[in-house]
Amino acid sequence: METTQLISVTRSSKNKPQLSIYTDWLTTVGFTPNSLVQFLPEPFGFTFTLCNSIPSYSKLARSTREKGGVLKNVHFCNIFKKPHLTVTGVSMERTGLLYGDKTLAHYEYGFVRARKIPEGALKVVTTPERIAGKFLSQLGHAAGAVLLATPQRGLITCEFQENGMERALELVRYARANRLYLLQLTDTRDKDRNIFKLDIPASCLARADILPDDALIVSYSDGRLQLQKSDFVVGLDFCLYR
């Protein structure tokens, strides 16, 4: 099992950046109360690794310190009735994350890796085939607006087309000639809440190397909507394809 989750950076009583996670999914991936966890800082992110079966605690502690990390135990929060994991101090400061930053965490059994979500991101969606939400109706484009989508590895760039409906035949020909996709911003059934949606063809996702369960970071600027796949490979800024 592999999936993603949002984790926000809070602050400690000393006004320092802090991770304070109260969630049931910790147990799902093996981080049960009293579990030993290794926290390691990475550029604008971090990892958690489950360390219940170790030959030597002292060797693990020394190795963790050398990497700038810290060992923590998962606790059970009686107030929220959920597992609780907190990290603060120097190890947290080494991530470069600040109070209010949001990270996208990829987790599987015994391991979590998170990266900061870039500034300006509108939304993180986990259903790539259908991008939906009120945020789409706040971009300044009406329902029925036409977009021209260009798939690249890990990225789909959707450009709004002026007078798209009137230019439909022209745009269809252009899209076919250049192996692009025509998309349309439409209303959902919940019109009272002004929620729009954008359906992405499976072939477009496949050409962008985006899987059905991938998380996408959505951003918008100057008539261009970008759907960017999170990569989680160490060494890439913000863990995104470029």
C-alpha atoms as a PDB file:
ATOM      1  CA  MET A   1       0.000   0.000   0.000  1.00  0.00           C
ATOM      2  CA  GLU A   2       1.302   3.422  -1.031  1.00  0.00           C
ATOM      3  CA  THR A   3      -0.549   6.717  -0.758  1.00  0.00           C
ATOM      4  CA  THR A   4      -0.208  10.412   0.039  1.00  0.00           C
ATOM      5  CA  GLN A   5      -1.215  12.773   2.799  1.00  0.00           C
ATOM      6  CA  LEU A   6      -0.922  16.483   3.612  1.00  0.00           C
ATOM      7  CA  ILE A   7       1.145  17.413   6.685  1.00  0.00           C
ATOM      8  CA  SER A   8       1.354  21.028   7.882  1.00  0.00           C
ATOM      9  CA  VAL A   9       4.190  22.587   9.877  1.00  0.00           C
ATOM     10  CA  THR A  10       3.040  24.048  13.187  1.00  0.00           C
ATOM     11  CA  ARG A  11       5.111  25.850  15.813  1.00  0.00           C
ATOM     12  CA  SER A  12       6.270  24.955  19.296  1.00  0.00           C
ATOM     13  CA  SER A  13       5.841  26.921  22.507  1.00  0.00           C
ATOM     14  CA  LYS A  14       9.259  28.470  21.736  1.00  0.00           C
ATOM     15  CA  ASN A  15       7.987  29.670  18.337  1.00  0.00           C
ATOM     16  CA  LYS A  16      10.082  27.102  16.457  1.00  0.00           C
ATOM     17  CA  PRO A  17       8.896  24.993  13.492  1.00  0.00           C
ATOM     18  CA  GLN A  18       7.309  21.751  14.638  1.00  0.00           C
ATOM     19  CA  LEU A  19       5.634  18.664  13.246  1.00  0.00           C
ATOM     20  CA  SER A  20       2.767  17.538  15.410  1.00  0.00           C
ATOM     21  CA  ILE A  21       0.865  14.716  13.749  1.00  0.00           C
ATOM     22  CA  TYR A  22      -2.337  13.258  15.206  1.00  0.00           C
ATOM     23  CA  THR A  23      -3.708  10.732  12.749  1.00  0.00           C
ATOM     24  CA  ASP A  24      -4.973   7.181  12.384  1.00  0.00           C
ATOM     25  CA  TRP A  25      -2.979   6.536   9.212  1.00  0.00           C
ATOM     26  CA  LEU A  26       0.202   6.296  11.320  1.00  0.00           C
ATOM     27  CA  THR A  27      -1.125   3.014  12.685  1.00  0.00           C
ATOM     28  CA  THR A  28      -2.082   1.869   9.188  1.00  0.00           C
ATOM     29  CA  VAL A  29       1.568   1.994   8.121  1.00  0.00           C
ATOM     30  CA  GLY A  30       2.969   0.443  11.308  1.00  0.00           C
ATOM     31  CA  PHE A  31       3.654   3.537  13.424  1.00  0.00           C
ATOM     32  CA  THR A  32       1.746   2.273  16.443  1.00  0.00           C
ATOM     33  CA  PRO A  33       2.037   3.758  19.962  1.00  0.00           C
ATOM     34  CA  ASN A  34       5.471   3.123  21.535  1.00  0.00           C
ATOM     35  CA  SER A  35       7.046   2.439  18.126  1.00  0.00           C
ATOM     36  CA  LEU A  36      10.574   3.749  17.632  1.00  0.00           C
ATOM     37  CA  VAL A  37      10.859   6.118  14.662  1.00  0.00           C
ATOM     38  CA  GLN A  38      13.883   7.674  12.973  1.00  0.00           C
ATOM     39  CA  PHE A  39      13.339  11.243  11.772  1.00  0.00           C
ATOM     40  CA  LEU A  40      15.816  12.533   9.164  1.00  0.00           C
ATOM     41  CA  PRO A  41      15.766  16.048   7.705  1.00  0.00           C
ATOM     42  CA  GLU A  42      15.989  16.495   3.924  1.00  0.00           C
ATOM     43  CA  PRO A  43      15.927  19.690   1.824  1.00  0.00           C
ATOM     44  CA  PHE A  44      12.480  21.192   2.427  1.00  0.00           C
ATOM     45  CA  GLY A  45      11.240  17.850   3.685  1.00  0.00           C
ATOM     46  CA  PHE A  46      11.892  14.866   5.905  1.00  0.00           C
ATOM     47  CA  THR A  47      11.553  11.123   6.310  1.00  0.00           C
ATOM     48  CA  PHE A  48      10.175   8.906   9.061  1.00  0.00           C
ATOM     49  CA  THR A  49      11.413   5.312   9.214  1.00  0.00           C
ATOM     50  CA  LEU A  50      10.039   2.642  11.524  1.00  0.00           C
ATOM     51  CA  CYS A  51      12.850   1.110  13.622  1.00  0.00           C
ATOM     52  CA  ASN A  52      11.220  -1.508  15.839  1.00  0.00           C
ATOM     53  CA  SER A  53      13.605  -4.312  14.838  1.00  0.00           C
ATOM     54  CA  ILE A  54      17.160  -3.056  15.261  1.00  0.00           C
ATOM     55  CA  PRO A  55      20.318  -4.948  16.360  1.00  0.00           C
ATOM     56  CA  SER A  56      21.760  -2.024  18.332  1.00  0.00           C
ATOM     57  CA  TYR A  57      19.996   1.087  19.632  1.00  0.00           C
ATOM     58  CA  SER A  58      23.297   2.868  20.317  1.00  0.00           C
ATOM     59  CA  LYS A  59      24.525   2.365  16.729  1.00  0.00           C
ATOM     60  CA  LEU A  60      21.197   3.580  15.347  1.00  0.00           C
ATOM     61  CA  ALA A  61      21.263   6.628  17.642  1.00  0.00           C
ATOM     62  CA  ARG A  62      24.812   7.517  16.577  1.00  0.00           C
ATOM     63  CA  SER A  63      24.028   7.058  12.876  1.00  0.00           C
ATOM     64  CA  THR A  64      20.880   9.170  13.222  1.00  0.00           C
ATOM     65  CA  ARG A  65      22.770  12.015  14.941  1.00  0.00           C
ATOM     66  CA  GLU A  66      25.456  11.942  12.229  1.00  0.00           C
ATOM     67  CA  LYS A  67      22.735  12.447   9.628  1.00  0.00           C
ATOM     68  CA  GLY A  68      21.247  15.364  11.565  1.00  0.00           C
ATOM     69  CA  GLY A  69      18.182  13.455  12.693  1.00  0.00           C
ATOM     70  CA  VAL A  70      16.574  12.303  15.892  1.00  0.00           C
ATOM     71  CA  LEU A  71      14.866   9.181  17.271  1.00  0.00           C
ATOM     72  CA  LYS A  72      11.289   9.586  18.465  1.00  0.00           C
ATOM     73  CA  ASN A  73       8.567   7.413  19.935  1.00  0.00           C
ATOM     74  CA  VAL A  74       4.964   7.372  18.783  1.00  0.00           C
ATOM     75  CA  HIS A  75       2.581   8.202  21.628  1.00  0.00           C
ATOM     76  CA  PHE A  76      -1.150   7.784  22.021  1.00  0.00           C
ATOM     77  CA  CYS A  77      -3.055  11.044  22.509  1.00  0.00           C
ATOM     78  CA  ASN A  78      -5.847  10.506  25.028  1.00  0.00           C
ATOM     79  CA  ILE A  79      -7.519  13.777  24.042  1.00  0.00           C
ATOM     80  CA  PHE A  80      -7.880  13.021  20.328  1.00  0.00           C
ATOM     81  CA  LYS A  81      -7.773   9.228  20.742  1.00  0.00           C
ATOM     82  CA  LYS A  82      -5.194   8.948  17.968  1.00  0.00           C
ATOM     83  CA  PRO A  83      -1.486   8.120  17.597  1.00  0.00           C
ATOM     84  CA  HIS A  84       0.703  11.194  18.034  1.00  0.00           C
ATOM     85  CA  LEU A  85       4.177  11.952  16.686  1.00  0.00           C
ATOM     86  CA  THR A  86       5.967  15.246  17.376  1.00  0.00           C
ATOM     87  CA  VAL A  87       9.305  16.594  16.122  1.00  0.00           C
ATOM     88  CA  THR A  88      10.806  19.973  16.973  1.00  0.00           C
ATOM     89  CA  GLY A  89      14.240  21.445  17.670  1.00  0.00           C
ATOM     90  CA  VAL A  90      17.444  21.467  15.609  1.00  0.00           C
ATOM     91  CA  SER A  91      16.571  18.420  13.491  1.00  0.00           C
ATOM     92  CA  MET A  92      13.334  20.054  12.394  1.00  0.00           C
ATOM     93  CA  GLU A  93      15.068  23.369  11.685  1.00  0.00           C
ATOM     94  CA  ARG A  94      17.479  21.566   9.352  1.00  0.00           C
ATOM     95  CA  THR A  95      14.622  20.788   6.969  1.00  0.00           C
ATOM     96  CA  GLY A  96      14.259  24.456   6.071  1.00  0.00           C
ATOM     97  CA  LEU A  97      10.519  24.199   6.672  1.00  0.00           C
ATOM     98  CA  LEU A  98       8.776  27.095   8.406  1.00  0.00           C
ATOM     99  CA  TYR A  99       5.553  27.575  10.343  1.00  0.00           C
ATOM    100  CA  GLY A 100       2.600  27.395   7.970  1.00  0.00           C
ATOM    101  CA  ASP A 101       4.392  25.399   5.273  1.00  0.00           C
ATOM    102  CA  LYS A 102       2.422  22.481   3.895  1.00  0.00           C
ATOM    103  CA  THR A 103       4.074  19.257   2.826  1.00  0.00           C
ATOM    104  CA  LEU A 104       2.882  16.390   0.693  1.00  0.00           C
ATOM    105  CA  ALA A 105       3.776  13.075   2.295  1.00  0.00           C
ATOM    106  CA  HIS A 106       4.071   9.770   0.477  1.00  0.00           C
ATOM    107  CA  TYR A 107       3.748   6.831   2.825  1.00  0.00           C
ATOM    108  CA  GLU A 108       3.935   3.064   2.758  1.00  0.00           C
ATOM    109  CA  TYR A 109       4.426   0.516   5.496  1.00  0.00           C
ATOM    110  CA  GLY A 110       7.251   1.617   7.809  1.00  0.00           C
ATOM    111  CA  PHE A 111       8.255   4.674   5.805  1.00  0.00           C
ATOM    112  CA  VAL A 112       7.086   8.255   5.190  1.00  0.00           C
ATOM    113  CA  ARG A 113       8.748  10.866   2.944  1.00  0.00           C
ATOM    114  CA  ALA A 114       7.451  14.445   2.699  1.00  0.00           C
ATOM    115  CA  ARG A 115       8.295  17.482   0.604  1.00  0.00           C
ATOM    116  CA  LYS A 116       7.178  21.095   0.767  1.00  0.00           C
ATOM    117  CA  ILE A 117       4.392  22.103  -1.566  1.00  0.00           C
ATOM    118  CA  PRO A 118       5.581  25.004  -3.752  1.00  0.00           C
ATOM    119  CA  GLU A 119       4.410  28.540  -3.075  1.00  0.00           C
ATOM    120  CA  GLY A 120       1.381  29.484  -5.146  1.00  0.00           C
ATOM    121  CA  ALA A 121      -0.074  25.998  -5.331  1.00  0.00           C
ATOM    122  CA  LEU A 122      -3.865  26.135  -5.369  1.00  0.00           C
ATOM    123  CA  LYS A 123      -4.682  22.560  -4.523  1.00  0.00           C
ATOM    124  CA  VAL A 124      -3.377  19.042  -4.136  1.00  0.00           C
ATOM    125  CA  VAL A 125      -5.661  16.507  -5.820  1.00  0.00           C
ATOM    126  CA  THR A 126      -5.533  12.735  -5.586  1.00  0.00           C
ATOM    127  CA  THR A 127      -7.931  11.966  -8.458  1.00  0.00           C
ATOM    128  CA  PRO A 128      -5.944  12.972 -11.573  1.00  0.00           C
ATOM    129  CA  GLU A 129      -8.707  11.958 -13.988  1.00  0.00           C
ATOM    130  CA  ARG A 130     -11.062  14.592 -12.534  1.00  0.00           C
ATOM    131  CA  ILE A 131      -9.878  17.905 -11.116  1.00  0.00           C
ATOM    132  CA  ALA A 132     -12.782  19.461  -9.222  1.00  0.00           C
ATOM    133  CA  GLY A 133     -13.408  22.140  -6.637  1.00  0.00           C
ATOM    134  CA  LYS A 134     -14.574  25.654  -5.950  1.00  0.00           C
ATOM    135  CA  PHE A 135     -11.046  26.919  -6.636  1.00  0.00           C
ATOM    136  CA  LEU A 136     -11.580  26.263 -10.364  1.00  0.00           C
ATOM    137  CA  SER A 137     -14.520  28.695 -10.405  1.00  0.00           C
ATOM    138  CA  GLN A 138     -12.326  31.400  -8.837  1.00  0.00           C
ATOM    139  CA  LEU A 139      -9.807  31.562 -11.707  1.00  0.00           C
ATOM    140  CA  GLY A 140     -11.857  34.092 -13.683  1.00  0.00           C
ATOM    141  CA  HIS A 141     -13.077  31.666 -16.364  1.00  0.00           C
ATOM    142  CA  ALA A 142     -16.711  30.699 -16.885  1.00  0.00           C
ATOM    143  CA  ALA A 143     -18.109  27.203 -17.186  1.00  0.00           C
ATOM    144  CA  GLY A 144     -17.663  26.033 -20.776  1.00  0.00           C
ATOM    145  CA  ALA A 145     -14.185  27.556 -21.112  1.00  0.00           C
ATOM    146  CA  VAL A 146     -11.924  25.559 -23.436  1.00  0.00           C
ATOM    147  CA  LEU A 147      -8.339  24.579 -22.598  1.00  0.00           C
ATOM    148  CA  LEU A 148      -5.551  23.177 -24.730  1.00  0.00           C
ATOM    149  CA  ALA A 149      -3.593  20.559 -22.742  1.00  0.00           C
ATOM    150  CA  THR A 150       0.036  19.639 -23.354  1.00  0.00           C
ATOM    151  CA  PRO A 151       1.281  16.472 -21.574  1.00  0.00           C
ATOM    152  CA  GLN A 152       4.945  16.147 -20.614  1.00  0.00           C
ATOM    153  CA  ARG A 153       6.666  13.773 -18.200  1.00  0.00           C
ATOM    154  CA  GLY A 154       5.107  14.492 -14.809  1.00  0.00           C
ATOM    155  CA  LEU A 155       3.320  17.632 -15.978  1.00  0.00           C
ATOM    156  CA  ILE A 156       0.167  18.620 -17.867  1.00  0.00           C
ATOM    157  CA  THR A 157      -0.056  22.276 -18.887  1.00  0.00           C
ATOM    158  CA  CYS A 158      -3.570  23.487 -19.716  1.00  0.00           C
ATOM    159  CA  GLU A 159      -3.908  26.862 -21.460  1.00  0.00           C
ATOM    160  CA  PHE A 160      -7.265  28.625 -21.544  1.00  0.00           C
ATOM    161  CA  GLN A 161      -8.287  29.550 -25.090  1.00  0.00           C
ATOM    162  CA  GLU A 162      -9.965  32.870 -25.828  1.00  0.00           C
ATOM    163  CA  ASN A 163     -13.353  32.359 -27.531  1.00  0.00           C
ATOM    164  CA  GLY A 164     -12.722  28.634 -27.344  1.00  0.00           C
ATOM    165  CA  MET A 165     -16.293  27.560 -28.179  1.00  0.00           C
ATOM    166  CA  GLU A 166     -16.422  29.753 -31.275  1.00  0.00           C
ATOM    167  CA  ARG A 167     -13.010  28.458 -32.404  1.00  0.00           C
ATOM    168  CA  ALA A 168     -13.829  24.814 -31.716  1.00  0.00           C
ATOM    169  CA  LEU A 169     -13.176  23.508 -35.245  1.00  0.00           C
ATOM    170  CA  GLU A 170      -9.858  25.379 -35.483  1.00  0.00           C
ATOM    171  CA  LEU A 171      -8.725  24.130 -32.075  1.00  0.00           C
ATOM    172  CA  VAL A 172      -9.730  20.532 -32.795  1.00  0.00           C
ATOM    173  CA  ARG A 173      -7.606  20.534 -35.936  1.00  0.00           C
ATOM    174  CA  TYR A 174      -4.680  22.118 -34.126  1.00  0.00           C
ATOM    175  CA  ALA A 175      -4.881  19.655 -31.234  1.00  0.00           C
ATOM    176  CA  ARG A 176      -4.981  16.644 -33.576  1.00  0.00           C
ATOM    177  CA  ALA A 177      -2.070  17.925 -35.648  1.00  0.00           C
ATOM    178  CA  ASN A 178       0.091  18.479 -32.574  1.00  0.00           C
ATOM    179  CA  ARG A 179      -1.019  15.503 -30.449  1.00  0.00           C
ATOM    180  CA  LEU A 180      -2.542  17.796 -27.830  1.00  0.00           C
ATOM    181  CA  TYR A 181      -5.860  17.563 -25.966  1.00  0.00           C
ATOM    182  CA  LEU A 182      -8.894  19.829 -25.837  1.00  0.00           C
ATOM    183  CA  LEU A 183     -10.498  20.033 -22.412  1.00  0.00           C
ATOM    184  CA  GLN A 184     -13.508  21.924 -21.114  1.00  0.00           C
ATOM    185  CA  LEU A 185     -14.229  23.472 -17.743  1.00  0.00           C
ATOM    186  CA  THR A 186     -17.736  22.408 -16.728  1.00  0.00           C
ATOM    187  CA  ASP A 187     -20.195  22.695 -13.860  1.00  0.00           C
ATOM    188  CA  THR A 188     -20.720  19.835 -11.453  1.00  0.00           C
ATOM    189  CA  ARG A 189     -24.168  18.814 -10.293  1.00  0.00           C
ATOM    190  CA  ASP A 190     -23.578  20.949  -7.208  1.00  0.00           C
ATOM    191  CA  LYS A 191     -24.091  24.243  -9.058  1.00  0.00           C
ATOM    192  CA  ASP A 192     -25.289  26.066  -5.943  1.00  0.00           C
ATOM    193  CA  ARG A 193     -21.778  25.816  -4.489  1.00  0.00           C
ATOM    194  CA  ASN A 194     -20.218  27.015  -7.767  1.00  0.00           C
ATOM    195  CA  ILE A 195     -17.975  23.955  -8.113  1.00  0.00           C
ATOM    196  CA  PHE A 196     -16.312  23.387 -11.477  1.00  0.00           C
ATOM    197  CA  LYS A 197     -14.585  20.287 -12.814  1.00  0.00           C
ATOM    198  CA  LEU A 198     -12.028  19.400 -15.453  1.00  0.00           C
ATOM    199  CA  ASP A 199     -11.913  15.840 -16.793  1.00  0.00           C
ATOM    200  CA  ILE A 200      -8.492  14.617 -17.969  1.00  0.00           C
ATOM    201  CA  PRO A 201      -8.473  11.793 -20.566  1.00  0.00           C
ATOM    202  CA  ALA A 202      -6.713   8.592 -19.536  1.00  0.00           C
ATOM    203  CA  SER A 203      -4.469   8.788 -22.616  1.00  0.00           C
ATOM    204  CA  CYS A 204      -3.341  12.293 -21.616  1.00  0.00           C
ATOM    205  CA  LEU A 205      -2.444  11.088 -18.107  1.00  0.00           C
ATOM    206  CA  ALA A 206      -0.586   8.108 -19.558  1.00  0.00           C
ATOM    207  CA  ARG A 207       1.510  10.320 -21.847  1.00  0.00           C
ATOM    208  CA  ALA A 208       2.425  12.432 -18.808  1.00  0.00           C
ATOM    209  CA  ASP A 209       3.396   9.298 -16.852  1.00  0.00           C
ATOM    210  CA  ILE A 210       0.689  10.038 -14.282  1.00  0.00           C
ATOM    211  CA  LEU A 211      -1.008   7.072 -12.622  1.00  0.00           C
ATOM    212  CA  PRO A 212      -4.622   6.980 -11.342  1.00  0.00           C
ATOM    213  CA  ASP A 213      -3.495   7.184  -7.696  1.00  0.00           C
ATOM    214  CA  ASP A 214      -0.820   9.868  -8.141  1.00  0.00           C
ATOM    215  CA  ALA A 215      -1.166  13.161  -6.294  1.00  0.00           C
ATOM    216  CA  LEU A 216      -1.080  16.292  -8.455  1.00  0.00           C
ATOM    217  CA  ILE A 217      -0.168  19.801  -7.361  1.00  0.00           C
ATOM    218  CA  VAL A 218      -2.367  22.350  -9.121  1.00  0.00           C
ATOM    219  CA  SER A 219      -1.156  25.891  -9.814  1.00  0.00           C
ATOM    220  CA  TYR A 220      -2.402  28.750 -12.017  1.00  0.00           C
ATOM    221  CA  SER A 221      -0.805  31.793 -13.623  1.00  0.00           C
ATOM    222  CA  ASP A 222      -1.630  34.017 -16.593  1.00  0.00           C
ATOM    223  CA  GLY A 223      -4.260  31.768 -18.139  1.00  0.00           C
ATOM    224  CA  ARG A 224      -2.249  28.605 -17.627  1.00  0.00           C
ATOM    225  CA  LEU A 225      -3.326  25.787 -15.304  1.00  0.00           C
ATOM    226  CA  GLN A 226      -0.533  23.364 -14.384  1.00  0.00           C
ATOM    227  CA  LEU A 227      -1.053  19.852 -13.034  1.00  0.00           C
ATOM    228  CA  GLN A 228       2.260  18.650 -11.683  1.00  0.00           C
ATOM    229  CA  LYS A 229       3.044  15.190 -10.394  1.00  0.00           C
ATOM    230  CA  SER A 230       4.905  14.888  -7.103  1.00  0.00           C
ATOM    231  CA  ASP A 231       8.005  12.734  -7.492  1.00  0.00           C
ATOM    232  CA  PHE A 232       9.466  12.227  -3.996  1.00  0.00           C
ATOM    233  CA  VAL A 233      12.947  11.547  -5.384  1.00  0.00           C
ATOM    234  CA  VAL A 234      15.625  12.959  -3.091  1.00  0.00           C
ATOM    235  CA  GLY A 235      17.528  15.852  -4.618  1.00  0.00           C
ATOM    236  CA  LEU A 236      14.757  17.433  -6.692  1.00  0.00           C
ATOM    237  CA  ASP A 237      13.593  20.843  -5.496  1.00  0.00           C
ATOM    238  CA  PHE A 238      10.215  20.422  -3.837  1.00  0.00           C
ATOM    239  CA  CYS A 239      10.142  16.902  -5.169  1.00  0.00           C
ATOM    240  CA  LEU A 240       8.673  17.904  -8.498  1.00  0.00           C
ATOM    241  CA  TYR A 241       9.441  17.069 -12.086  1.00  0.00           C
ATOM    242  CA  ARG A 242      10.850  20.013 -14.024  1.00  0.00           C
END
